C-alpha atoms as a PDB file:
ATOM      1  CA  MET A   1     160.013  75.732  68.532  1.00  0.00           C
ATOM      2  CA  LYS A   2     159.564  77.793  65.062  1.00  0.00           C
ATOM      3  CA  VAL A   3     162.584  79.126  63.544  1.00  0.00           C
ATOM      4  CA  GLU A   4     162.308  82.582  63.913  1.00  0.00           C
ATOM      5  CA  PRO A   5     164.047  85.338  61.847  1.00  0.00           C
ATOM      6  CA  ARG A   6     167.186  86.676  63.615  1.00  0.00           C
ATOM      7  CA  SER A   7     168.327  90.232  63.578  1.00  0.00           C
ATOM      8  CA  ASP A   8     171.818  89.265  62.443  1.00  0.00           C
ATOM      9  CA  VAL A   9     170.273  87.244  59.541  1.00  0.00           C
ATOM     10  CA  SER A  10     168.739  89.003  56.471  1.00  0.00           C
ATOM     11  CA  THR A  11     168.371  85.920  54.351  1.00  0.00           C
ATOM     12  CA  ALA A  12     165.257  84.056  54.832  1.00  0.00           C
ATOM     13  CA  LEU A  13     166.190  81.133  52.479  1.00  0.00           C
ATOM     14  CA  GLU A  14     169.493  79.964  51.179  1.00  0.00           C
ATOM     15  CA  VAL A  15     169.916  77.115  48.777  1.00  0.00           C
ATOM     16  CA  ARG A  16     173.184  76.199  47.784  1.00  0.00           C
ATOM     17  CA  GLY A  17     174.389  73.145  45.304  1.00  0.00           C
ATOM     18  CA  LEU A  18     170.689  71.492  45.338  1.00  0.00           C
ATOM     19  CA  SER A  19     170.300  68.399  43.131  1.00  0.00           C
ATOM     20  CA  VAL A  20     167.513  66.114  42.869  1.00  0.00           C
ATOM     21  CA  GLU A  21     167.185  62.910  40.724  1.00  0.00           C
ATOM     22  CA  LEU A  22     163.948  60.923  40.422  1.00  0.00           C
ATOM     23  CA  GLY A  23     164.040  57.452  38.814  1.00  0.00           C
ATOM     24  CA  LYS A  24     168.024  58.114  37.909  1.00  0.00           C
ATOM     25  CA  ARG A  25     167.077  61.105  35.862  1.00  0.00           C
ATOM     26  CA  PRO A  26     168.645  64.273  36.930  1.00  0.00           C
ATOM     27  CA  VAL A  27     165.740  67.193  37.532  1.00  0.00           C
ATOM     28  CA  LEU A  28     167.469  69.720  39.377  1.00  0.00           C
ATOM     29  CA  VAL A  29     171.347  70.273  39.008  1.00  0.00           C
ATOM     30  CA  ASP A  30     173.419  72.474  41.214  1.00  0.00           C
ATOM     31  CA  VAL A  31     170.401  75.207  41.757  1.00  0.00           C
ATOM     32  CA  ALA A  32     171.696  78.022  43.859  1.00  0.00           C
ATOM     33  CA  LEU A  33     168.718  80.520  45.299  1.00  0.00           C
ATOM     34  CA  GLU A  34     168.685  83.183  47.904  1.00  0.00           C
ATOM     35  CA  VAL A  35     165.520  84.849  49.195  1.00  0.00           C
ATOM     36  CA  PRO A  36     165.630  87.804  51.506  1.00  0.00           C
ATOM     37  CA  GLU A  37     163.547  88.076  54.482  1.00  0.00           C
ATOM     38  CA  ARG A  38     160.224  89.400  53.430  1.00  0.00           C
ATOM     39  CA  GLY A  39     161.179  89.077  49.727  1.00  0.00           C
ATOM     40  CA  TRP A  40     159.146  87.572  47.067  1.00  0.00           C
ATOM     41  CA  VAL A  41     161.071  85.403  44.485  1.00  0.00           C
ATOM     42  CA  CYS A  42     159.186  83.962  41.550  1.00  0.00           C
ATOM     43  CA  VAL A  43     160.568  80.850  40.075  1.00  0.00           C
ATOM     44  CA  ILE A  44     159.583  80.480  36.405  1.00  0.00           C
ATOM     45  CA  GLY A  45     160.610  78.354  33.318  1.00  0.00           C
ATOM     46  CA  PRO A  46     159.121  76.076  30.866  1.00  0.00           C
ATOM     47  CA  ASN A  47     157.078  72.688  31.625  1.00  0.00           C
ATOM     48  CA  GLY A  48     159.455  70.244  32.966  1.00  0.00           C
ATOM     49  CA  ALA A  49     162.076  72.625  34.053  1.00  0.00           C
ATOM     50  CA  GLY A  50     161.984  71.640  37.488  1.00  0.00           C
ATOM     51  CA  LYS A  51     159.982  74.405  39.416  1.00  0.00           C
ATOM     52  CA  THR A  52     157.613  72.013  41.369  1.00  0.00           C
ATOM     53  CA  THR A  53     160.728  69.530  42.110  1.00  0.00           C
ATOM     54  CA  LEU A  54     162.522  72.652  43.484  1.00  0.00           C
ATOM     55  CA  VAL A  55     159.760  73.722  46.090  1.00  0.00           C
ATOM     56  CA  HIS A  56     159.173  70.212  47.010  1.00  0.00           C
ATOM     57  CA  ALA A  57     163.095  69.884  47.795  1.00  0.00           C
ATOM     58  CA  ILE A  58     162.969  73.019  49.749  1.00  0.00           C
ATOM     59  CA  ALA A  59     160.124  71.771  51.871  1.00  0.00           C
ATOM     60  CA  GLY A  60     161.806  68.602  52.316  1.00  0.00           C
ATOM     61  CA  LEU A  61     159.468  66.345  50.325  1.00  0.00           C
ATOM     62  CA  VAL A  62     162.065  64.736  47.985  1.00  0.00           C
ATOM     63  CA  PRO A  63     165.529  63.345  48.299  1.00  0.00           C
ATOM     64  CA  ARG A  64     167.939  65.918  47.568  1.00  0.00           C
ATOM     65  CA  THR A  65     171.810  66.865  47.861  1.00  0.00           C
ATOM     66  CA  GLY A  66     172.970  70.210  48.491  1.00  0.00           C
ATOM     67  CA  SER A  67     172.242  72.511  51.421  1.00  0.00           C
ATOM     68  CA  VAL A  68     168.877  74.168  52.542  1.00  0.00           C
ATOM     69  CA  ARG A  69     169.380  76.889  55.209  1.00  0.00           C
ATOM     70  CA  LEU A  70     166.166  78.613  56.792  1.00  0.00           C
ATOM     71  CA  PHE A  71     166.937  81.909  58.559  1.00  0.00           C
ATOM     72  CA  GLY A  72     170.529  80.803  58.933  1.00  0.00           C
ATOM     73  CA  THR A  73     169.644  77.103  60.205  1.00  0.00           C
ATOM     74  CA  PRO A  74     170.172  73.970  57.844  1.00  0.00           C
ATOM     75  CA  ILE A  75     166.982  72.507  57.367  1.00  0.00           C
ATOM     76  CA  ASP A  76     168.261  69.035  58.218  1.00  0.00           C
ATOM     77  CA  GLU A  77     168.617  70.042  61.712  1.00  0.00           C
ATOM     78  CA  LEU A  78     164.869  70.750  62.349  1.00  0.00           C
ATOM     79  CA  GLY A  79     162.386  68.269  63.200  1.00  0.00           C
ATOM     80  CA  ARG A  80     159.360  67.750  61.200  1.00  0.00           C
ATOM     81  CA  ARG A  81     156.971  69.792  63.768  1.00  0.00           C
ATOM     82  CA  GLU A  82     159.732  72.641  63.827  1.00  0.00           C
ATOM     83  CA  ARG A  83     159.991  72.747  60.178  1.00  0.00           C
ATOM     84  CA  ALA A  84     156.346  73.011  59.665  1.00  0.00           C
ATOM     85  CA  ARG A  85     156.138  75.994  61.941  1.00  0.00           C
ATOM     86  CA  THR A  86     158.498  77.640  59.806  1.00  0.00           C
ATOM     87  CA  VAL A  87     157.508  76.571  56.401  1.00  0.00           C
ATOM     88  CA  ALA A  88     154.114  76.530  54.839  1.00  0.00           C
ATOM     89  CA  LEU A  89     153.616  74.932  51.249  1.00  0.00           C
ATOM     90  CA  VAL A  90     150.749  75.099  48.857  1.00  0.00           C
ATOM     91  CA  PRO A  91     151.237  72.269  46.315  1.00  0.00           C
ATOM     92  CA  GLN A  92     149.754  72.295  42.996  1.00  0.00           C
ATOM     93  CA  LEU A  93     148.100  68.985  43.325  1.00  0.00           C
ATOM     94  CA  PRO A  94     147.251  68.727  47.303  1.00  0.00           C
ATOM     95  CA  ALA A  95     146.004  65.472  48.939  1.00  0.00           C
ATOM     96  CA  ILE A  96     142.424  66.275  50.025  1.00  0.00           C
ATOM     97  CA  PRO A  97     141.009  64.306  53.023  1.00  0.00           C
ATOM     98  CA  GLU A  98     137.794  62.587  52.554  1.00  0.00           C
ATOM     99  CA  SER A  99     134.656  63.797  54.541  1.00  0.00           C
ATOM    100  CA  PHE A 100     136.159  67.025  56.128  1.00  0.00           C
ATOM    101  CA  THR A 101     134.527  70.228  56.026  1.00  0.00           C
ATOM    102  CA  VAL A 102     136.503  73.310  55.145  1.00  0.00           C
ATOM    103  CA  GLU A 103     136.989  74.465  58.383  1.00  0.00           C
ATOM    104  CA  GLN A 104     138.381  70.958  59.657  1.00  0.00           C
ATOM    105  CA  TYR A 105     140.795  71.070  56.652  1.00  0.00           C
ATOM    106  CA  VAL A 106     141.910  74.595  57.286  1.00  0.00           C
ATOM    107  CA  LEU A 107     142.338  73.820  60.777  1.00  0.00           C
ATOM    108  CA  LEU A 108     144.718  71.169  59.898  1.00  0.00           C
ATOM    109  CA  GLY A 109     147.304  74.176  59.268  1.00  0.00           C
ATOM    110  CA  ARG A 110     147.305  74.613  63.117  1.00  0.00           C
ATOM    111  CA  THR A 111     148.585  71.131  63.785  1.00  0.00           C
ATOM    112  CA  PRO A 112     152.333  72.184  64.143  1.00  0.00           C
ATOM    113  CA  HIS A 113     151.521  74.778  66.953  1.00  0.00           C
ATOM    114  CA  LEU A 114     149.520  72.128  68.940  1.00  0.00           C
ATOM    115  CA  GLY A 115     151.297  70.272  71.810  1.00  0.00           C
ATOM    116  CA  LEU A 116     150.871  66.218  71.948  1.00  0.00           C
ATOM    117  CA  LEU A 117     146.981  65.520  72.410  1.00  0.00           C
ATOM    118  CA  ALA A 118     146.328  69.132  72.877  1.00  0.00           C
ATOM    119  CA  SER A 119     143.076  70.540  71.026  1.00  0.00           C
ATOM    120  CA  GLU A 120     142.905  73.741  69.390  1.00  0.00           C
ATOM    121  CA  GLY A 121     142.341  77.074  71.092  1.00  0.00           C
ATOM    122  CA  ARG A 122     141.045  80.445  70.486  1.00  0.00           C
ATOM    123  CA  HIS A 123     143.877  81.742  68.628  1.00  0.00           C
ATOM    124  CA  ASP A 124     143.968  78.628  66.485  1.00  0.00           C
ATOM    125  CA  LEU A 125     140.149  79.056  65.740  1.00  0.00           C
ATOM    126  CA  ASP A 126     140.548  82.777  64.890  1.00  0.00           C
ATOM    127  CA  ALA A 127     143.588  82.070  62.655  1.00  0.00           C
ATOM    128  CA  VAL A 128     141.275  79.727  60.957  1.00  0.00           C
ATOM    129  CA  ALA A 129     138.371  82.245  60.623  1.00  0.00           C
ATOM    130  CA  SER A 130     140.528  84.868  59.565  1.00  0.00           C
ATOM    131  CA  ALA A 131     142.145  82.978  56.694  1.00  0.00           C
ATOM    132  CA  LEU A 132     138.687  81.747  55.439  1.00  0.00           C
ATOM    133  CA  GLU A 133     137.345  85.272  55.523  1.00  0.00           C
ATOM    134  CA  ARG A 134     140.439  86.651  53.646  1.00  0.00           C
ATOM    135  CA  LEU A 135     139.935  83.963  50.870  1.00  0.00           C
ATOM    136  CA  ASP A 136     136.291  84.702  50.543  1.00  0.00           C
ATOM    137  CA  LEU A 137     135.455  81.194  52.026  1.00  0.00           C
ATOM    138  CA  GLY A 138     133.900  82.167  55.470  1.00  0.00           C
ATOM    139  CA  TRP A 139     130.327  81.208  53.981  1.00  0.00           C
ATOM    140  CA  ALA A 140     131.894  77.520  53.148  1.00  0.00           C
ATOM    141  CA  ALA A 141     133.245  76.726  56.629  1.00  0.00           C
ATOM    142  CA  SER A 142     130.867  74.102  57.016  1.00  0.00           C
ATOM    143  CA  ARG A 143     130.954  72.602  53.557  1.00  0.00           C
ATOM    144  CA  ARG A 144     132.304  69.320  52.838  1.00  0.00           C
ATOM    145  CA  LEU A 145     135.448  69.695  50.669  1.00  0.00           C
ATOM    146  CA  GLU A 146     133.960  67.434  47.846  1.00  0.00           C
ATOM    147  CA  THR A 147     131.267  69.806  47.195  1.00  0.00           C
ATOM    148  CA  LEU A 148     133.469  72.789  46.240  1.00  0.00           C
ATOM    149  CA  SER A 149     134.375  73.772  42.777  1.00  0.00           C
ATOM    150  CA  GLY A 150     137.923  73.373  41.724  1.00  0.00           C
ATOM    151  CA  GLY A 151     138.619  77.258  42.280  1.00  0.00           C
ATOM    152  CA  GLU A 152     136.908  76.954  45.645  1.00  0.00           C
ATOM    153  CA  LEU A 153     139.161  73.958  46.760  1.00  0.00           C
ATOM    154  CA  ARG A 154     142.161  75.922  45.595  1.00  0.00           C
ATOM    155  CA  ARG A 155     141.361  78.727  47.975  1.00  0.00           C
ATOM    156  CA  ALA A 156     140.721  76.180  50.769  1.00  0.00           C
ATOM    157  CA  VAL A 157     144.354  74.764  50.176  1.00  0.00           C
ATOM    158  CA  ILE A 158     145.691  78.413  50.276  1.00  0.00           C
ATOM    159  CA  ALA A 159     143.644  79.255  53.481  1.00  0.00           C
ATOM    160  CA  ARG A 160     145.135  76.343  55.336  1.00  0.00           C
ATOM    161  CA  ALA A 161     148.751  77.418  54.317  1.00  0.00           C
ATOM    162  CA  ILE A 162     147.828  80.921  55.538  1.00  0.00           C
ATOM    163  CA  ALA A 163     146.476  79.867  58.937  1.00  0.00           C
ATOM    164  CA  GLN A 164     149.775  78.088  59.411  1.00  0.00           C
ATOM    165  CA  GLU A 165     151.286  81.383  60.157  1.00  0.00           C
ATOM    166  CA  ALA A 166     154.750  80.268  59.061  1.00  0.00           C
ATOM    167  CA  SER A 167     157.525  82.642  58.390  1.00  0.00           C
ATOM    168  CA  LEU A 168     158.152  81.078  54.631  1.00  0.00           C
ATOM    169  CA  LEU A 169     155.403  80.593  52.297  1.00  0.00           C
ATOM    170  CA  LEU A 170     156.182  78.016  49.148  1.00  0.00           C
ATOM    171  CA  LEU A 171     153.477  78.441  46.433  1.00  0.00           C
ATOM    172  CA  ASP A 172     153.404  75.959  43.518  1.00  0.00           C
ATOM    173  CA  GLU A 173     151.170  77.579  40.670  1.00  0.00           C
ATOM    174  CA  PRO A 174     148.943  79.300  43.308  1.00  0.00           C
ATOM    175  CA  THR A 175     146.454  80.672  40.592  1.00  0.00           C
ATOM    176  CA  THR A 176     145.688  77.350  38.955  1.00  0.00           C
ATOM    177  CA  GLY A 177     141.878  77.045  38.487  1.00  0.00           C
ATOM    178  CA  LEU A 178     141.204  80.372  39.732  1.00  0.00           C
ATOM    179  CA  ASP A 179     139.285  83.064  37.837  1.00  0.00           C
ATOM    180  CA  ILE A 180     141.020  86.457  37.108  1.00  0.00           C
ATOM    181  CA  ALA A 181     139.372  88.091  40.066  1.00  0.00           C
ATOM    182  CA  GLN A 182     140.226  85.545  42.417  1.00  0.00           C
ATOM    183  CA  GLN A 183     143.947  85.333  41.040  1.00  0.00           C
ATOM    184  CA  LEU A 184     144.513  89.005  41.983  1.00  0.00           C
ATOM    185  CA  ARG A 185     142.545  88.552  45.032  1.00  0.00           C
ATOM    186  CA  VAL A 186     144.963  85.513  46.392  1.00  0.00           C
ATOM    187  CA  LEU A 187     148.257  87.267  45.069  1.00  0.00           C
ATOM    188  CA  GLU A 188     147.074  90.754  46.546  1.00  0.00           C
ATOM    189  CA  LEU A 189     146.607  88.842  50.087  1.00  0.00           C
ATOM    190  CA  VAL A 190     150.116  87.363  49.645  1.00  0.00           C
ATOM    191  CA  GLU A 191     151.521  90.570  49.072  1.00  0.00           C
ATOM    192  CA  GLU A 192     149.833  91.999  52.015  1.00  0.00           C
ATOM    193  CA  LEU A 193     150.899  89.680  54.345  1.00  0.00           C
ATOM    194  CA  ARG A 194     154.533  89.888  53.023  1.00  0.00           C
ATOM    195  CA  THR A 195     154.713  93.739  53.440  1.00  0.00           C
ATOM    196  CA  THR A 196     152.756  93.957  56.825  1.00  0.00           C
ATOM    197  CA  GLY A 197     152.867  90.593  58.426  1.00  0.00           C
ATOM    198  CA  GLY A 198     156.801  89.667  57.558  1.00  0.00           C
ATOM    199  CA  LEU A 199     156.156  86.882  55.216  1.00  0.00           C
ATOM    200  CA  THR A 200     158.981  85.500  52.804  1.00  0.00           C
ATOM    201  CA  VAL A 201     157.454  84.204  49.767  1.00  0.00           C
ATOM    202  CA  VAL A 202     158.875  81.477  47.030  1.00  0.00           C
ATOM    203  CA  SER A 203     156.366  80.976  44.111  1.00  0.00           C
ATOM    204  CA  THR A 204     156.315  79.081  40.794  1.00  0.00           C
ATOM    205  CA  MET A 205     154.339  80.783  38.418  1.00  0.00           C
ATOM    206  CA  HIS A 206     153.370  79.938  34.521  1.00  0.00           C
ATOM    207  CA  ASP A 207     151.588  83.291  34.028  1.00  0.00           C
ATOM    208  CA  LEU A 208     154.749  85.896  33.508  1.00  0.00           C
ATOM    209  CA  THR A 209     152.445  88.968  33.727  1.00  0.00           C
ATOM    210  CA  LEU A 210     151.199  88.125  37.096  1.00  0.00           C
ATOM    211  CA  ALA A 211     154.824  86.871  38.223  1.00  0.00           C
ATOM    212  CA  GLY A 212     156.106  90.283  36.829  1.00  0.00           C
ATOM    213  CA  ARG A 213     153.647  92.200  38.750  1.00  0.00           C
ATOM    214  CA  PHE A 214     154.240  90.469  41.995  1.00  0.00           C
ATOM    215  CA  GLY A 215     157.632  89.114  42.391  1.00  0.00           C
ATOM    216  CA  GLN A 216     160.562  91.189  43.469  1.00  0.00           C
ATOM    217  CA  ARG A 217     163.043  88.948  41.863  1.00  0.00           C
ATOM    218  CA  PHE A 218     162.826  86.118  39.537  1.00  0.00           C
ATOM    219  CA  ALA A 219     164.921  82.691  38.854  1.00  0.00           C
ATOM    220  CA  LEU A 220     164.482  81.174  35.647  1.00  0.00           C
ATOM    221  CA  LEU A 221     164.875  77.614  35.420  1.00  0.00           C
ATOM    222  CA  SER A 222     165.644  75.386  32.315  1.00  0.00           C
ATOM    223  CA  GLU A 223     166.547  71.981  32.275  1.00  0.00           C
ATOM    224  CA  GLY A 224     166.716  71.939  35.740  1.00  0.00           C
ATOM    225  CA  ARG A 225     169.473  74.706  36.122  1.00  0.00           C
ATOM    226  CA  VAL A 226     169.020  78.217  36.920  1.00  0.00           C
ATOM    227  CA  VAL A 227     169.747  80.107  33.774  1.00  0.00           C
ATOM    228  CA  ALA A 228     168.910  83.912  34.735  1.00  0.00           C
ATOM    229  CA  GLU A 229     168.475  85.346  37.902  1.00  0.00           C
ATOM    230  CA  GLY A 230     167.728  88.723  38.903  1.00  0.00           C
ATOM    231  CA  THR A 231     165.065  91.449  38.871  1.00  0.00           C
ATOM    232  CA  ARG A 232     162.063  91.705  36.409  1.00  0.00           C
ATOM    233  CA  SER A 233     164.144  94.016  33.902  1.00  0.00           C
ATOM    234  CA  GLU A 234     167.202  91.686  34.246  1.00  0.00           C
ATOM    235  CA  VAL A 235     165.052  88.480  33.552  1.00  0.00           C
ATOM    236  CA  LEU A 236     161.956  88.932  31.864  1.00  0.00           C
ATOM    237  CA  LEU A 237     163.011  90.074  28.655  1.00  0.00           C
ATOM    238  CA  PRO A 238     162.020  89.018  25.173  1.00  0.00           C
ATOM    239  CA  HIS A 239     165.111  87.450  23.993  1.00  0.00           C
ATOM    240  CA  VAL A 240     165.744  85.699  27.284  1.00  0.00           C
ATOM    241  CA  ILE A 241     162.014  84.463  27.028  1.00  0.00           C
ATOM    242  CA  ALA A 242     162.576  83.364  23.382  1.00  0.00           C
ATOM    243  CA  GLU A 243     165.497  81.491  24.351  1.00  0.00           C
ATOM    244  CA  HIS A 244     164.224  79.172  27.022  1.00  0.00           C
ATOM    245  CA  TYR A 245     160.252  78.891  26.281  1.00  0.00           C
ATOM    246  CA  GLY A 246     160.591  78.736  22.436  1.00  0.00           C
ATOM    247  CA  ALA A 247     158.168  81.571  22.113  1.00  0.00           C
ATOM    248  CA  ARG A 248     157.991  85.214  20.554  1.00  0.00           C
ATOM    249  CA  VAL A 249     156.843  87.669  23.169  1.00  0.00           C
ATOM    250  CA  GLY A 250     156.540  91.210  23.723  1.00  0.00           C
ATOM    251  CA  VAL A 251     156.916  93.190  26.984  1.00  0.00           C
ATOM    252  CA  ILE A 252     154.641  95.770  27.313  1.00  0.00           C
ATOM    253  CA  GLU A 253     155.455  98.767  30.198  1.00  0.00           C
ATOM    254  CA  ASP A 254     152.702 101.809  29.988  1.00  0.00           C
ATOM    255  CA  GLY A 255     151.958 104.117  32.396  1.00  0.00           C
ATOM    256  CA  THR A 256     148.251 103.370  31.817  1.00  0.00           C
ATOM    257  CA  LEU A 257     148.067  99.769  30.938  1.00  0.00           C
ATOM    258  CA  GLY A 258     150.731  98.558  33.631  1.00  0.00           C
ATOM    259  CA  TRP A 259     153.305  95.882  32.611  1.00  0.00           C
ATOM    260  CA  ALA A 260     152.436  92.687  30.755  1.00  0.00           C
ATOM    261  CA  VAL A 261     154.254  89.966  28.730  1.00  0.00           C
ATOM    262  CA  VAL A 262     152.478  89.439  25.614  1.00  0.00           C
ATOM    263  CA  PRO A 263     152.596  86.521  23.006  1.00  0.00           C
ATOM    264  CA  LEU A 264     153.336  87.543  19.500  1.00  0.00           C
ATOM    265  CA  GLY A 265     152.903  84.109  17.562  1.00  0.00           C
ATOM    266  CA  GLY A 266     154.284  80.501  17.318  1.00  0.00           C
ATOM    267  CA  PRO A 267     157.522  78.981  18.176  1.00  0.00           C
ATOM    268  CA  GLN A 268     160.866  80.942  17.791  1.00  0.00           C
ATOM    269  CA  PRO A 269     162.226  79.854  14.444  1.00  0.00           C
END
């Protein structure tokens, strides 16, 4: 069965000493990460820092060393179905099956909850319908995936993860291909599920302004290592961004305009 949060465990995800080599090249080195239950941790960093590899390692999709614990239970002790009931992943480059309708695809998110040879029940269909409506895709339920735009397809992938009803949601660049309105709609939905539904979130994000708006804590990856970790005011600082991204930025914090990271020019001299 699904690994449920325990009253004596306040940490949803604990990563210790996680390292990954791909093609004999170290991609992640001794990464530590702790995500509180119902928290939202944004993993940021320049291209090639290892962000995607980190979420894939947490999900068990790439070989790694080190430990990953979900709600106090080592992930290696969980079977595939049990893990899928606990962790939902929205990959940056999802595999899209041919000839599926949107509804059929999102229904795949319910697979971990079905018994052997069992068919979906009313709760499964309701979970799919709710996810589609919340991602503004109810109208597309009978459409084939290949007829969707890039942004619509991205929302279908997120809807599948939402329908999975896992306790931990891993988002790898969730706003890729979405316009600004849909970016906010998706992230606000995730925030609603976190605050009212008890969801725990780990996301990788390139857009530092969006990351700063929605994340509670931040882990900055650079060359496969966590080089900064903490709150927005501790990590998303101009000199930290300049050092690891090689770009000059300003940080705006205004009562009317809100909070934003603004590029100021070319690479850091």
